[in-house]
Amino acid sequence: MRYLSDVNLRAVLSILVARGGGTVDISNAELYDAMLPGDGRSEGFAIKETSTGIRISLATGRDTETPGRQ
């Protein structure tokens, strides 16, 4: 899986919010930091298929060449 479509992203968010008890509070500062990281580099995601689903993690500098980075 190279990227998450809008449909897949909505599904992932639905699962995460449900796991968080139905509500996830995010401050404006956290949201802005996630949208515009201080180092000027936007973080991507490393997406890996597993035997039972997918694993999504924040991509680090070492993940730059990893297939599925977005």
PDB file of N, CA and C in Angstrom:
ATOM      1  N   MET A   1       0.856  -1.170   0.000  1.00  0.00           N
ATOM      2  CA  MET A   1       0.000   0.000   0.000  1.00  0.00           C
ATOM      3  C   MET A   1       0.899   1.230   0.000  1.00  0.00           C
ATOM      4  N   ARG A   2       0.787   2.042  -1.007  1.00  0.00           N
ATOM      5  CA  ARG A   2       1.677   3.189  -1.136  1.00  0.00           C
ATOM      6  C   ARG A   2       1.132   4.451  -0.481  1.00  0.00           C
ATOM      7  N   TYR A   3      -0.171   4.561  -0.340  1.00  0.00           N
ATOM      8  CA  TYR A   3      -0.746   5.757   0.264  1.00  0.00           C
ATOM      9  C   TYR A   3      -2.132   5.435   0.798  1.00  0.00           C
ATOM     10  N   LEU A   4      -2.670   6.347   1.590  1.00  0.00           N
ATOM     11  CA  LEU A   4      -4.031   6.201   2.084  1.00  0.00           C
ATOM     12  C   LEU A   4      -4.949   7.097   1.279  1.00  0.00           C
ATOM     13  N   SER A   5      -5.964   6.516   0.697  1.00  0.00           N
ATOM     14  CA  SER A   5      -6.968   7.312   0.001  1.00  0.00           C
ATOM     15  C   SER A   5      -7.786   8.066   1.040  1.00  0.00           C
ATOM     16  N   ASP A   6      -8.592   9.019   0.609  1.00  0.00           N
ATOM     17  CA  ASP A   6      -9.450   9.762   1.533  1.00  0.00           C
ATOM     18  C   ASP A   6     -10.373   8.822   2.292  1.00  0.00           C
ATOM     19  N   VAL A   7     -10.894   7.815   1.611  1.00  0.00           N
ATOM     20  CA  VAL A   7     -11.787   6.848   2.258  1.00  0.00           C
ATOM     21  C   VAL A   7     -11.030   6.069   3.328  1.00  0.00           C
ATOM     22  N   ASN A   8      -9.828   5.607   3.005  1.00  0.00           N
ATOM     23  CA  ASN A   8      -9.030   4.861   3.981  1.00  0.00           C
ATOM     24  C   ASN A   8      -8.623   5.755   5.151  1.00  0.00           C
ATOM     25  N   LEU A   9      -8.275   7.000   4.862  1.00  0.00           N
ATOM     26  CA  LEU A   9      -7.888   7.924   5.923  1.00  0.00           C
ATOM     27  C   LEU A   9      -9.052   8.178   6.875  1.00  0.00           C
ATOM     28  N   ARG A  10     -10.253   8.367   6.338  1.00  0.00           N
ATOM     29  CA  ARG A  10     -11.436   8.542   7.191  1.00  0.00           C
ATOM     30  C   ARG A  10     -11.668   7.305   8.047  1.00  0.00           C
ATOM     31  N   ALA A  11     -11.470   6.126   7.486  1.00  0.00           N
ATOM     32  CA  ALA A  11     -11.645   4.885   8.249  1.00  0.00           C
ATOM     33  C   ALA A  11     -10.630   4.808   9.381  1.00  0.00           C
ATOM     34  N   VAL A  12      -9.372   5.131   9.101  1.00  0.00           N
ATOM     35  CA  VAL A  12      -8.335   5.115  10.132  1.00  0.00           C
ATOM     36  C   VAL A  12      -8.683   6.107  11.237  1.00  0.00           C
ATOM     37  N   LEU A  13      -9.096   7.309  10.873  1.00  0.00           N
ATOM     38  CA  LEU A  13      -9.457   8.304  11.877  1.00  0.00           C
ATOM     39  C   LEU A  13     -10.646   7.853  12.710  1.00  0.00           C
ATOM     40  N   SER A  14     -11.626   7.231  12.079  1.00  0.00           N
ATOM     41  CA  SER A  14     -12.791   6.715  12.812  1.00  0.00           C
ATOM     42  C   SER A  14     -12.364   5.688  13.856  1.00  0.00           C
ATOM     43  N   ILE A  15     -11.458   4.790  13.469  1.00  0.00           N
ATOM     44  CA  ILE A  15     -10.970   3.762  14.400  1.00  0.00           C
ATOM     45  C   ILE A  15     -10.207   4.413  15.554  1.00  0.00           C
ATOM     46  N   LEU A  16      -9.330   5.360  15.237  1.00  0.00           N
ATOM     47  CA  LEU A  16      -8.530   5.996  16.283  1.00  0.00           C
ATOM     48  C   LEU A  16      -9.396   6.790  17.253  1.00  0.00           C
ATOM     49  N   VAL A  17     -10.391   7.502  16.742  1.00  0.00           N
ATOM     50  CA  VAL A  17     -11.286   8.266  17.615  1.00  0.00           C
ATOM     51  C   VAL A  17     -12.103   7.307  18.482  1.00  0.00           C
ATOM     52  N   ALA A  18     -12.570   6.221  17.903  1.00  0.00           N
ATOM     53  CA  ALA A  18     -13.315   5.228  18.692  1.00  0.00           C
ATOM     54  C   ALA A  18     -12.431   4.650  19.790  1.00  0.00           C
ATOM     55  N   ARG A  19     -11.172   4.347  19.465  1.00  0.00           N
ATOM     56  CA  ARG A  19     -10.242   3.820  20.473  1.00  0.00           C
ATOM     57  C   ARG A  19      -9.975   4.846  21.566  1.00  0.00           C
ATOM     58  N   GLY A  20     -10.064   6.121  21.211  1.00  0.00           N
ATOM     59  CA  GLY A  20      -9.847   7.201  22.178  1.00  0.00           C
ATOM     60  C   GLY A  20     -11.080   7.487  23.018  1.00  0.00           C
ATOM     61  N   GLY A  21     -12.111   6.658  22.909  1.00  0.00           N
ATOM     62  CA  GLY A  21     -13.311   6.841  23.711  1.00  0.00           C
ATOM     63  C   GLY A  21     -14.390   7.645  23.018  1.00  0.00           C
ATOM     64  N   GLY A  22     -14.233   7.902  21.730  1.00  0.00           N
ATOM     65  CA  GLY A  22     -15.248   8.621  20.968  1.00  0.00           C
ATOM     66  C   GLY A  22     -14.956  10.101  20.797  1.00  0.00           C
ATOM     67  N   THR A  23     -13.982  10.599  21.540  1.00  0.00           N
ATOM     68  CA  THR A  23     -13.598  12.010  21.439  1.00  0.00           C
ATOM     69  C   THR A  23     -12.087  12.114  21.552  1.00  0.00           C
ATOM     70  N   VAL A  24     -11.494  12.916  20.690  1.00  0.00           N
ATOM     71  CA  VAL A  24     -10.065  13.200  20.781  1.00  0.00           C
ATOM     72  C   VAL A  24      -9.910  14.707  20.783  1.00  0.00           C
ATOM     73  N   ASP A  25      -9.365  15.237  21.863  1.00  0.00           N
ATOM     74  CA  ASP A  25      -9.150  16.678  21.969  1.00  0.00           C
ATOM     75  C   ASP A  25      -7.757  17.014  21.466  1.00  0.00           C
ATOM     76  N   ILE A  26      -7.697  17.961  20.545  1.00  0.00           N
ATOM     77  CA  ILE A  26      -6.433  18.414  19.973  1.00  0.00           C
ATOM     78  C   ILE A  26      -6.395  19.925  20.096  1.00  0.00           C
ATOM     79  N   SER A  27      -5.339  20.439  20.689  1.00  0.00           N
ATOM     80  CA  SER A  27      -5.228  21.889  20.851  1.00  0.00           C
ATOM     81  C   SER A  27      -4.853  22.540  19.513  1.00  0.00           C
ATOM     82  N   ASN A  28      -5.123  23.814  19.398  1.00  0.00           N
ATOM     83  CA  ASN A  28      -4.724  24.541  18.193  1.00  0.00           C
ATOM     84  C   ASN A  28      -3.219  24.469  17.989  1.00  0.00           C
ATOM     85  N   ALA A  29      -2.462  24.563  19.087  1.00  0.00           N
ATOM     86  CA  ALA A  29      -0.999  24.511  18.985  1.00  0.00           C
ATOM     87  C   ALA A  29      -0.538  23.167  18.418  1.00  0.00           C
ATOM     88  N   GLU A  30      -1.132  22.074  18.900  1.00  0.00           N
ATOM     89  CA  GLU A  30      -0.768  20.756  18.381  1.00  0.00           C
ATOM     90  C   GLU A  30      -1.122  20.625  16.909  1.00  0.00           C
ATOM     91  N   LEU A  31      -2.291  21.123  16.546  1.00  0.00           N
ATOM     92  CA  LEU A  31      -2.735  21.052  15.157  1.00  0.00           C
ATOM     93  C   LEU A  31      -1.809  21.852  14.250  1.00  0.00           C
ATOM     94  N   TYR A  32      -1.484  23.079  14.645  1.00  0.00           N
ATOM     95  CA  TYR A  32      -0.600  23.903  13.828  1.00  0.00           C
ATOM     96  C   TYR A  32       0.798  23.313  13.751  1.00  0.00           C
ATOM     97  N   ASP A  33       1.293  22.763  14.873  1.00  0.00           N
ATOM     98  CA  ASP A  33       2.614  22.121  14.855  1.00  0.00           C
ATOM     99  C   ASP A  33       2.634  20.936  13.903  1.00  0.00           C
ATOM    100  N   ALA A  34       1.538  20.180  13.848  1.00  0.00           N
ATOM    101  CA  ALA A  34       1.463  19.033  12.947  1.00  0.00           C
ATOM    102  C   ALA A  34       1.372  19.478  11.489  1.00  0.00           C
ATOM    103  N   MET A  35       0.664  20.594  11.251  1.00  0.00           N
ATOM    104  CA  MET A  35       0.519  21.087   9.870  1.00  0.00           C
ATOM    105  C   MET A  35       1.795  21.751   9.385  1.00  0.00           C
ATOM    106  N   LEU A  36       2.462  22.473  10.264  1.00  0.00           N
ATOM    107  CA  LEU A  36       3.655  23.229   9.894  1.00  0.00           C
ATOM    108  C   LEU A  36       4.767  22.973  10.907  1.00  0.00           C
ATOM    109  N   PRO A  37       5.463  21.843  10.794  1.00  0.00           N
ATOM    110  CA  PRO A  37       6.525  21.542  11.750  1.00  0.00           C
ATOM    111  C   PRO A  37       7.574  22.644  11.776  1.00  0.00           C
ATOM    112  N   GLY A  38       8.140  22.881  12.947  1.00  0.00           N
ATOM    113  CA  GLY A  38       9.104  23.962  13.147  1.00  0.00           C
ATOM    114  C   GLY A  38      10.337  23.870  12.279  1.00  0.00           C
ATOM    115  N   ASP A  39      10.718  22.666  11.871  1.00  0.00           N
ATOM    116  CA  ASP A  39      11.934  22.530  11.073  1.00  0.00           C
ATOM    117  C   ASP A  39      11.690  22.780   9.590  1.00  0.00           C
ATOM    118  N   GLY A  40      10.457  23.153   9.232  1.00  0.00           N
ATOM    119  CA  GLY A  40      10.137  23.454   7.847  1.00  0.00           C
ATOM    120  C   GLY A  40       9.859  22.241   6.992  1.00  0.00           C
ATOM    121  N   ARG A  41       9.924  21.060   7.576  1.00  0.00           N
ATOM    122  CA  ARG A  41       9.710  19.822   6.844  1.00  0.00           C
ATOM    123  C   ARG A  41       8.392  19.225   7.298  1.00  0.00           C
ATOM    124  N   SER A  42       7.520  18.928   6.365  1.00  0.00           N
ATOM    125  CA  SER A  42       6.281  18.278   6.758  1.00  0.00           C
ATOM    126  C   SER A  42       6.539  16.789   6.890  1.00  0.00           C
ATOM    127  N   GLU A  43       6.004  16.207   7.943  1.00  0.00           N
ATOM    128  CA  GLU A  43       6.209  14.785   8.173  1.00  0.00           C
ATOM    129  C   GLU A  43       5.254  13.986   7.320  1.00  0.00           C
ATOM    130  N   GLY A  44       5.761  12.920   6.769  1.00  0.00           N
ATOM    131  CA  GLY A  44       4.926  12.001   6.026  1.00  0.00           C
ATOM    132  C   GLY A  44       4.625  10.789   6.873  1.00  0.00           C
ATOM    133  N   PHE A  45       4.042   9.801   6.259  1.00  0.00           N
ATOM    134  CA  PHE A  45       3.693   8.580   6.956  1.00  0.00           C
ATOM    135  C   PHE A  45       4.323   7.397   6.254  1.00  0.00           C
ATOM    136  N   ALA A  46       4.773   6.449   7.040  1.00  0.00           N
ATOM    137  CA  ALA A  46       5.238   5.179   6.509  1.00  0.00           C
ATOM    138  C   ALA A  46       4.066   4.210   6.665  1.00  0.00           C
ATOM    139  N   ILE A  47       3.600   3.662   5.559  1.00  0.00           N
ATOM    140  CA  ILE A  47       2.451   2.764   5.566  1.00  0.00           C
ATOM    141  C   ILE A  47       2.934   1.395   5.122  1.00  0.00           C
ATOM    142  N   LYS A  48       2.685   0.405   5.974  1.00  0.00           N
ATOM    143  CA  LYS A  48       3.151  -0.946   5.682  1.00  0.00           C
ATOM    144  C   LYS A  48       1.999  -1.918   5.852  1.00  0.00           C
ATOM    145  N   GLU A  49       1.832  -2.784   4.877  1.00  0.00           N
ATOM    146  CA  GLU A  49       0.829  -3.837   5.013  1.00  0.00           C
ATOM    147  C   GLU A  49       1.368  -4.902   5.948  1.00  0.00           C
ATOM    148  N   THR A  50       0.504  -5.387   6.826  1.00  0.00           N
ATOM    149  CA  THR A  50       0.850  -6.482   7.721  1.00  0.00           C
ATOM    150  C   THR A  50      -0.032  -7.674   7.364  1.00  0.00           C
ATOM    151  N   SER A  51       0.166  -8.772   8.028  1.00  0.00           N
ATOM    152  CA  SER A  51      -0.640  -9.956   7.720  1.00  0.00           C
ATOM    153  C   SER A  51      -2.099  -9.774   8.121  1.00  0.00           C
ATOM    154  N   THR A  52      -2.362  -8.831   9.040  1.00  0.00           N
ATOM    155  CA  THR A  52      -3.732  -8.638   9.521  1.00  0.00           C
ATOM    156  C   THR A  52      -4.320  -7.277   9.186  1.00  0.00           C
ATOM    157  N   GLY A  53      -3.575  -6.410   8.508  1.00  0.00           N
ATOM    158  CA  GLY A  53      -4.083  -5.070   8.183  1.00  0.00           C
ATOM    159  C   GLY A  53      -2.969  -4.157   7.712  1.00  0.00           C
ATOM    160  N   ILE A  54      -2.892  -2.972   8.298  1.00  0.00           N
ATOM    161  CA  ILE A  54      -1.845  -2.011   7.942  1.00  0.00           C
ATOM    162  C   ILE A  54      -1.231  -1.431   9.202  1.00  0.00           C
ATOM    163  N   ARG A  55      -0.004  -0.953   9.077  1.00  0.00           N
ATOM    164  CA  ARG A  55       0.680  -0.232  10.149  1.00  0.00           C
ATOM    165  C   ARG A  55       1.012   1.147   9.606  1.00  0.00           C
ATOM    166  N   ILE A  56       0.603   2.179  10.331  1.00  0.00           N
ATOM    167  CA  ILE A  56       0.872   3.567   9.942  1.00  0.00           C
ATOM    168  C   ILE A  56       1.745   4.183  11.016  1.00  0.00           C
ATOM    169  N   SER A  57       2.850   4.771  10.606  1.00  0.00           N
ATOM    170  CA  SER A  57       3.721   5.447  11.558  1.00  0.00           C
ATOM    171  C   SER A  57       4.232   6.730  10.926  1.00  0.00           C
ATOM    172  N   LEU A  58       4.669   7.654  11.782  1.00  0.00           N
ATOM    173  CA  LEU A  58       5.271   8.871  11.260  1.00  0.00           C
ATOM    174  C   LEU A  58       6.597   8.514  10.618  1.00  0.00           C
ATOM    175  N   ALA A  59       6.827   9.038   9.445  1.00  0.00           N
ATOM    176  CA  ALA A  59       8.086   8.778   8.742  1.00  0.00           C
ATOM    177  C   ALA A  59       9.162   9.662   9.338  1.00  0.00           C
ATOM    178  N   THR A  60      10.304   9.077   9.578  1.00  0.00           N
ATOM    179  CA  THR A  60      11.443   9.841  10.067  1.00  0.00           C
ATOM    180  C   THR A  60      12.399  10.056   8.907  1.00  0.00           C
ATOM    181  N   GLY A  61      13.464  10.773   9.122  1.00  0.00           N
ATOM    182  CA  GLY A  61      14.443  11.015   8.070  1.00  0.00           C
ATOM    183  C   GLY A  61      14.969   9.735   7.465  1.00  0.00           C
ATOM    184  N   ARG A  62      15.099   8.681   8.288  1.00  0.00           N
ATOM    185  CA  ARG A  62      15.610   7.405   7.780  1.00  0.00           C
ATOM    186  C   ARG A  62      14.587   6.668   6.952  1.00  0.00           C
ATOM    187  N   ASP A  63      13.298   7.092   6.999  1.00  0.00           N
ATOM    188  CA  ASP A  63      12.239   6.437   6.223  1.00  0.00           C
ATOM    189  C   ASP A  63      12.075   7.054   4.850  1.00  0.00           C
ATOM    190  N   THR A  64      12.919   7.988   4.489  1.00  0.00           N
ATOM    191  CA  THR A  64      12.754   8.733   3.241  1.00  0.00           C
ATOM    192  C   THR A  64      12.654   7.829   2.025  1.00  0.00           C
ATOM    193  N   GLU A  65      13.403   6.755   2.001  1.00  0.00           N
ATOM    194  CA  GLU A  65      13.413   5.867   0.854  1.00  0.00           C
ATOM    195  C   GLU A  65      12.435   4.709   0.985  1.00  0.00           C
ATOM    196  N   THR A  66      11.638   4.711   2.062  1.00  0.00           N
ATOM    197  CA  THR A  66      10.722   3.608   2.320  1.00  0.00           C
ATOM    198  C   THR A  66       9.511   3.684   1.407  1.00  0.00           C
ATOM    199  N   PRO A  67       9.189   2.603   0.691  1.00  0.00           N
ATOM    200  CA  PRO A  67       7.964   2.591  -0.093  1.00  0.00           C
ATOM    201  C   PRO A  67       6.772   2.831   0.824  1.00  0.00           C
ATOM    202  N   GLY A  68       5.797   3.580   0.353  1.00  0.00           N
ATOM    203  CA  GLY A  68       4.623   3.878   1.155  1.00  0.00           C
ATOM    204  C   GLY A  68       4.715   5.195   1.879  1.00  0.00           C
ATOM    205  N   ARG A  69       5.886   5.846   1.818  1.00  0.00           N
ATOM    206  CA  ARG A  69       6.013   7.156   2.469  1.00  0.00           C
ATOM    207  C   ARG A  69       5.141   8.149   1.729  1.00  0.00           C
ATOM    208  N   GLN A  70       4.461   8.963   2.504  1.00  0.00           N
ATOM    209  CA  GLN A  70       3.576   9.954   1.882  1.00  0.00           C
ATOM    210  C   GLN A  70       3.664  11.238   2.634  1.00  0.00           C
TER     211      GLN A  70
END
